[in-house]
Amino acid sequence: MTRVPANSVGRRTVIIVDDGAATGATARAACQMVPTQGAARILLAVPVRARMRWLPCRRRLTR
């Protein structure tokens, strides 16, 4: 059995939750960082906001 470090996201599904997506800056930063760590999928959970706030992250999310 291979031991995986607790903070490893390699080949895993990562769920990013941003409960205060006023500008989208935090979610955008997370969406940019997580793929560099080898995540297999990225899901973003945010309250309903204006479309223009989440569009920059959309291309990085898994459908």
PDB file of N, CA and C in Angstrom:
ATOM      1  N   MET A   1       0.847  -1.175   0.000  1.00  0.00           N
ATOM      2  CA  MET A   1       0.000   0.000   0.000  1.00  0.00           C
ATOM      3  C   MET A   1       0.898   1.246   0.000  1.00  0.00           C
ATOM      4  N   THR A   2       0.598   2.177  -0.905  1.00  0.00           N
ATOM      5  CA  THR A   2       1.361   3.410  -0.997  1.00  0.00           C
ATOM      6  C   THR A   2       0.801   4.416  -0.017  1.00  0.00           C
ATOM      7  N   ARG A   3       1.669   5.016   0.738  1.00  0.00           N
ATOM      8  CA  ARG A   3       1.243   6.023   1.713  1.00  0.00           C
ATOM      9  C   ARG A   3       1.176   7.390   1.027  1.00  0.00           C
ATOM     10  N   VAL A   4       0.040   8.075   1.157  1.00  0.00           N
ATOM     11  CA  VAL A   4      -0.178   9.386   0.534  1.00  0.00           C
ATOM     12  C   VAL A   4      -0.137  10.453   1.619  1.00  0.00           C
ATOM     13  N   PRO A   5       0.693  11.497   1.440  1.00  0.00           N
ATOM     14  CA  PRO A   5       0.721  12.579   2.435  1.00  0.00           C
ATOM     15  C   PRO A   5      -0.665  13.204   2.617  1.00  0.00           C
ATOM     16  N   ALA A   6      -0.964  13.642   3.811  1.00  0.00           N
ATOM     17  CA  ALA A   6      -2.279  14.201   4.130  1.00  0.00           C
ATOM     18  C   ALA A   6      -2.649  15.394   3.250  1.00  0.00           C
ATOM     19  N   ASN A   7      -1.685  16.176   2.827  1.00  0.00           N
ATOM     20  CA  ASN A   7      -1.972  17.368   2.034  1.00  0.00           C
ATOM     21  C   ASN A   7      -1.841  17.123   0.527  1.00  0.00           C
ATOM     22  N   SER A   8      -1.694  15.885   0.111  1.00  0.00           N
ATOM     23  CA  SER A   8      -1.550  15.565  -1.302  1.00  0.00           C
ATOM     24  C   SER A   8      -2.906  15.574  -2.004  1.00  0.00           C
ATOM     25  N   VAL A   9      -2.979  16.211  -3.175  1.00  0.00           N
ATOM     26  CA  VAL A   9      -4.206  16.208  -3.962  1.00  0.00           C
ATOM     27  C   VAL A   9      -4.009  15.461  -5.274  1.00  0.00           C
ATOM     28  N   GLY A  10      -2.829  14.919  -5.483  1.00  0.00           N
ATOM     29  CA  GLY A  10      -2.528  14.217  -6.720  1.00  0.00           C
ATOM     30  C   GLY A  10      -3.541  13.142  -7.048  1.00  0.00           C
ATOM     31  N   ARG A  11      -4.078  13.206  -8.279  1.00  0.00           N
ATOM     32  CA  ARG A  11      -5.042  12.236  -8.804  1.00  0.00           C
ATOM     33  C   ARG A  11      -6.321  12.134  -7.978  1.00  0.00           C
ATOM     34  N   ARG A  12      -6.669  13.169  -7.266  1.00  0.00           N
ATOM     35  CA  ARG A  12      -7.899  13.183  -6.468  1.00  0.00           C
ATOM     36  C   ARG A  12      -8.841  14.263  -6.984  1.00  0.00           C
ATOM     37  N   THR A  13     -10.106  14.144  -6.598  1.00  0.00           N
ATOM     38  CA  THR A  13     -11.073  15.196  -6.879  1.00  0.00           C
ATOM     39  C   THR A  13     -10.976  16.214  -5.748  1.00  0.00           C
ATOM     40  N   VAL A  14     -10.821  17.479  -6.101  1.00  0.00           N
ATOM     41  CA  VAL A  14     -10.703  18.551  -5.116  1.00  0.00           C
ATOM     42  C   VAL A  14     -11.947  19.410  -5.189  1.00  0.00           C
ATOM     43  N   ILE A  15     -12.578  19.643  -4.038  1.00  0.00           N
ATOM     44  CA  ILE A  15     -13.742  20.515  -3.965  1.00  0.00           C
ATOM     45  C   ILE A  15     -13.313  21.807  -3.284  1.00  0.00           C
ATOM     46  N   ILE A  16     -13.389  22.893  -4.016  1.00  0.00           N
ATOM     47  CA  ILE A  16     -13.044  24.210  -3.494  1.00  0.00           C
ATOM     48  C   ILE A  16     -14.352  24.882  -3.093  1.00  0.00           C
ATOM     49  N   VAL A  17     -14.448  25.285  -1.833  1.00  0.00           N
ATOM     50  CA  VAL A  17     -15.659  25.928  -1.329  1.00  0.00           C
ATOM     51  C   VAL A  17     -15.312  27.355  -0.936  1.00  0.00           C
ATOM     52  N   ASP A  18     -16.000  28.315  -1.531  1.00  0.00           N
ATOM     53  CA  ASP A  18     -15.789  29.726  -1.215  1.00  0.00           C
ATOM     54  C   ASP A  18     -17.146  30.312  -0.844  1.00  0.00           C
ATOM     55  N   ASP A  19     -17.345  30.551   0.431  1.00  0.00           N
ATOM     56  CA  ASP A  19     -18.649  31.039   0.882  1.00  0.00           C
ATOM     57  C   ASP A  19     -18.803  32.547   0.772  1.00  0.00           C
ATOM     58  N   GLY A  20     -17.794  33.231   0.318  1.00  0.00           N
ATOM     59  CA  GLY A  20     -17.886  34.680   0.179  1.00  0.00           C
ATOM     60  C   GLY A  20     -17.292  35.137  -1.133  1.00  0.00           C
ATOM     61  N   ALA A  21     -17.851  34.685  -2.232  1.00  0.00           N
ATOM     62  CA  ALA A  21     -17.295  34.960  -3.558  1.00  0.00           C
ATOM     63  C   ALA A  21     -17.671  36.354  -4.062  1.00  0.00           C
ATOM     64  N   ALA A  22     -17.333  37.376  -3.315  1.00  0.00           N
ATOM     65  CA  ALA A  22     -17.657  38.752  -3.713  1.00  0.00           C
ATOM     66  C   ALA A  22     -16.890  39.160  -4.965  1.00  0.00           C
ATOM     67  N   THR A  23     -15.599  38.919  -4.970  1.00  0.00           N
ATOM     68  CA  THR A  23     -14.790  39.270  -6.137  1.00  0.00           C
ATOM     69  C   THR A  23     -14.345  38.049  -6.905  1.00  0.00           C
ATOM     70  N   GLY A  24     -14.380  36.890  -6.270  1.00  0.00           N
ATOM     71  CA  GLY A  24     -13.916  35.665  -6.913  1.00  0.00           C
ATOM     72  C   GLY A  24     -12.420  35.473  -6.837  1.00  0.00           C
ATOM     73  N   ALA A  25     -11.700  36.388  -6.188  1.00  0.00           N
ATOM     74  CA  ALA A  25     -10.237  36.329  -6.151  1.00  0.00           C
ATOM     75  C   ALA A  25      -9.708  35.085  -5.444  1.00  0.00           C
ATOM     76  N   THR A  26     -10.298  34.721  -4.318  1.00  0.00           N
ATOM     77  CA  THR A  26      -9.833  33.549  -3.576  1.00  0.00           C
ATOM     78  C   THR A  26     -10.105  32.277  -4.356  1.00  0.00           C
ATOM     79  N   ALA A  27     -11.305  32.152  -4.890  1.00  0.00           N
ATOM     80  CA  ALA A  27     -11.650  30.963  -5.677  1.00  0.00           C
ATOM     81  C   ALA A  27     -10.776  30.878  -6.916  1.00  0.00           C
ATOM     82  N   ARG A  28     -10.527  31.996  -7.563  1.00  0.00           N
ATOM     83  CA  ARG A  28      -9.678  32.021  -8.756  1.00  0.00           C
ATOM     84  C   ARG A  28      -8.256  31.575  -8.419  1.00  0.00           C
ATOM     85  N   ALA A  29      -7.728  32.053  -7.304  1.00  0.00           N
ATOM     86  CA  ALA A  29      -6.381  31.649  -6.886  1.00  0.00           C
ATOM     87  C   ALA A  29      -6.324  30.151  -6.614  1.00  0.00           C
ATOM     88  N   ALA A  30      -7.335  29.626  -5.954  1.00  0.00           N
ATOM     89  CA  ALA A  30      -7.378  28.187  -5.672  1.00  0.00           C
ATOM     90  C   ALA A  30      -7.495  27.380  -6.962  1.00  0.00           C
ATOM     91  N   CYS A  31      -8.315  27.854  -7.894  1.00  0.00           N
ATOM     92  CA  CYS A  31      -8.481  27.168  -9.175  1.00  0.00           C
ATOM     93  C   CYS A  31      -7.196  27.172  -9.993  1.00  0.00           C
ATOM     94  N   GLN A  32      -6.347  28.143  -9.778  1.00  0.00           N
ATOM     95  CA  GLN A  32      -5.059  28.202 -10.472  1.00  0.00           C
ATOM     96  C   GLN A  32      -4.016  27.329  -9.794  1.00  0.00           C
ATOM     97  N   MET A  33      -4.062  27.236  -8.465  1.00  0.00           N
ATOM     98  CA  MET A  33      -3.059  26.491  -7.720  1.00  0.00           C
ATOM     99  C   MET A  33      -3.292  24.991  -7.748  1.00  0.00           C
ATOM    100  N   VAL A  34      -4.521  24.556  -7.584  1.00  0.00           N
ATOM    101  CA  VAL A  34      -4.817  23.131  -7.440  1.00  0.00           C
ATOM    102  C   VAL A  34      -4.352  22.288  -8.636  1.00  0.00           C
ATOM    103  N   PRO A  35      -4.542  22.718  -9.885  1.00  0.00           N
ATOM    104  CA  PRO A  35      -4.055  21.884 -10.998  1.00  0.00           C
ATOM    105  C   PRO A  35      -2.541  21.668 -10.964  1.00  0.00           C
ATOM    106  N   THR A  36      -1.805  22.611 -10.435  1.00  0.00           N
ATOM    107  CA  THR A  36      -0.346  22.450 -10.357  1.00  0.00           C
ATOM    108  C   THR A  36       0.046  21.371  -9.353  1.00  0.00           C
ATOM    109  N   GLN A  37      -0.898  20.977  -8.503  1.00  0.00           N
ATOM    110  CA  GLN A  37      -0.655  19.929  -7.511  1.00  0.00           C
ATOM    111  C   GLN A  37      -1.097  18.554  -8.024  1.00  0.00           C
ATOM    112  N   GLY A  38      -1.599  18.485  -9.249  1.00  0.00           N
ATOM    113  CA  GLY A  38      -1.950  17.212  -9.857  1.00  0.00           C
ATOM    114  C   GLY A  38      -3.349  16.709  -9.607  1.00  0.00           C
ATOM    115  N   ALA A  39      -4.276  17.578  -9.263  1.00  0.00           N
ATOM    116  CA  ALA A  39      -5.658  17.154  -9.011  1.00  0.00           C
ATOM    117  C   ALA A  39      -6.270  16.551 -10.278  1.00  0.00           C
ATOM    118  N   ALA A  40      -7.044  15.491 -10.109  1.00  0.00           N
ATOM    119  CA  ALA A  40      -7.707  14.848 -11.238  1.00  0.00           C
ATOM    120  C   ALA A  40      -8.928  15.645 -11.682  1.00  0.00           C
ATOM    121  N   ARG A  41      -9.665  16.176 -10.723  1.00  0.00           N
ATOM    122  CA  ARG A  41     -10.867  16.962 -11.007  1.00  0.00           C
ATOM    123  C   ARG A  41     -10.938  18.111 -10.021  1.00  0.00           C
ATOM    124  N   ILE A  42     -11.583  19.205 -10.458  1.00  0.00           N
ATOM    125  CA  ILE A  42     -11.799  20.351  -9.574  1.00  0.00           C
ATOM    126  C   ILE A  42     -13.275  20.717  -9.633  1.00  0.00           C
ATOM    127  N   LEU A  43     -13.882  20.807  -8.474  1.00  0.00           N
ATOM    128  CA  LEU A  43     -15.264  21.257  -8.362  1.00  0.00           C
ATOM    129  C   LEU A  43     -15.262  22.529  -7.526  1.00  0.00           C
ATOM    130  N   LEU A  44     -15.998  23.532  -7.958  1.00  0.00           N
ATOM    131  CA  LEU A  44     -16.069  24.798  -7.236  1.00  0.00           C
ATOM    132  C   LEU A  44     -17.481  25.000  -6.721  1.00  0.00           C
ATOM    133  N   ALA A  45     -17.605  25.198  -5.416  1.00  0.00           N
ATOM    134  CA  ALA A  45     -18.909  25.444  -4.789  1.00  0.00           C
ATOM    135  C   ALA A  45     -18.927  26.861  -4.237  1.00  0.00           C
ATOM    136  N   VAL A  46     -19.831  27.675  -4.767  1.00  0.00           N
ATOM    137  CA  VAL A  46     -19.961  29.064  -4.314  1.00  0.00           C
ATOM    138  C   VAL A  46     -21.440  29.424  -4.260  1.00  0.00           C
ATOM    139  N   PRO A  47     -21.792  30.417  -3.456  1.00  0.00           N
ATOM    140  CA  PRO A  47     -23.177  30.898  -3.484  1.00  0.00           C
ATOM    141  C   PRO A  47     -23.471  31.466  -4.876  1.00  0.00           C
ATOM    142  N   VAL A  48     -24.718  31.533  -5.226  1.00  0.00           N
ATOM    143  CA  VAL A  48     -25.093  32.089  -6.525  1.00  0.00           C
ATOM    144  C   VAL A  48     -24.650  33.548  -6.572  1.00  0.00           C
ATOM    145  N   ARG A  49     -23.909  33.871  -7.607  1.00  0.00           N
ATOM    146  CA  ARG A  49     -23.377  35.231  -7.780  1.00  0.00           C
ATOM    147  C   ARG A  49     -23.547  35.656  -9.223  1.00  0.00           C
ATOM    148  N   ALA A  50     -23.155  36.873  -9.486  1.00  0.00           N
ATOM    149  CA  ALA A  50     -23.204  37.383 -10.852  1.00  0.00           C
ATOM    150  C   ALA A  50     -22.322  36.513 -11.746  1.00  0.00           C
ATOM    151  N   ARG A  51     -22.794  36.233 -12.938  1.00  0.00           N
ATOM    152  CA  ARG A  51     -22.100  35.358 -13.888  1.00  0.00           C
ATOM    153  C   ARG A  51     -20.647  35.780 -14.124  1.00  0.00           C
ATOM    154  N   MET A  52     -20.407  37.068 -14.219  1.00  0.00           N
ATOM    155  CA  MET A  52     -19.053  37.546 -14.534  1.00  0.00           C
ATOM    156  C   MET A  52     -18.039  37.205 -13.445  1.00  0.00           C
ATOM    157  N   ARG A  53     -18.487  36.928 -12.230  1.00  0.00           N
ATOM    158  CA  ARG A  53     -17.565  36.627 -11.141  1.00  0.00           C
ATOM    159  C   ARG A  53     -16.995  35.222 -11.224  1.00  0.00           C
ATOM    160  N   TRP A  54     -17.763  34.252 -11.720  1.00  0.00           N
ATOM    161  CA  TRP A  54     -17.265  32.886 -11.752  1.00  0.00           C
ATOM    162  C   TRP A  54     -16.756  32.454 -13.115  1.00  0.00           C
ATOM    163  N   LEU A  55     -17.015  33.214 -14.150  1.00  0.00           N
ATOM    164  CA  LEU A  55     -16.557  32.843 -15.486  1.00  0.00           C
ATOM    165  C   LEU A  55     -15.041  32.641 -15.592  1.00  0.00           C
ATOM    166  N   PRO A  56     -14.200  33.466 -14.942  1.00  0.00           N
ATOM    167  CA  PRO A  56     -12.761  33.235 -15.049  1.00  0.00           C
ATOM    168  C   PRO A  56     -12.313  31.856 -14.547  1.00  0.00           C
ATOM    169  N   CYS A  57     -13.042  31.269 -13.611  1.00  0.00           N
ATOM    170  CA  CYS A  57     -12.701  29.936 -13.092  1.00  0.00           C
ATOM    171  C   CYS A  57     -13.288  28.821 -13.949  1.00  0.00           C
ATOM    172  N   ARG A  58     -14.299  29.117 -14.702  1.00  0.00           N
ATOM    173  CA  ARG A  58     -15.073  28.091 -15.394  1.00  0.00           C
ATOM    174  C   ARG A  58     -14.212  27.179 -16.266  1.00  0.00           C
ATOM    175  N   ARG A  59     -13.272  27.718 -16.982  1.00  0.00           N
ATOM    176  CA  ARG A  59     -12.472  26.892 -17.908  1.00  0.00           C
ATOM    177  C   ARG A  59     -11.581  25.891 -17.162  1.00  0.00           C
ATOM    178  N   ARG A  60     -11.349  26.096 -15.873  1.00  0.00           N
ATOM    179  CA  ARG A  60     -10.516  25.177 -15.104  1.00  0.00           C
ATOM    180  C   ARG A  60     -11.323  24.095 -14.399  1.00  0.00           C
ATOM    181  N   LEU A  61     -12.631  24.213 -14.412  1.00  0.00           N
ATOM    182  CA  LEU A  61     -13.476  23.272 -13.670  1.00  0.00           C
ATOM    183  C   LEU A  61     -13.821  22.055 -14.526  1.00  0.00           C
ATOM    184  N   THR A  62     -14.073  20.943 -13.848  1.00  0.00           N
ATOM    185  CA  THR A  62     -14.481  19.721 -14.517  1.00  0.00           C
ATOM    186  C   THR A  62     -15.984  19.748 -14.690  1.00  0.00           C
ATOM    187  N   ARG A  63     -16.436  19.417 -15.854  1.00  0.00           N
ATOM    188  CA  ARG A  63     -17.883  19.399 -16.115  1.00  0.00           C
ATOM    189  C   ARG A  63     -18.457  18.072 -15.742  1.00  0.00           C
TER     190      ARG A  63
END
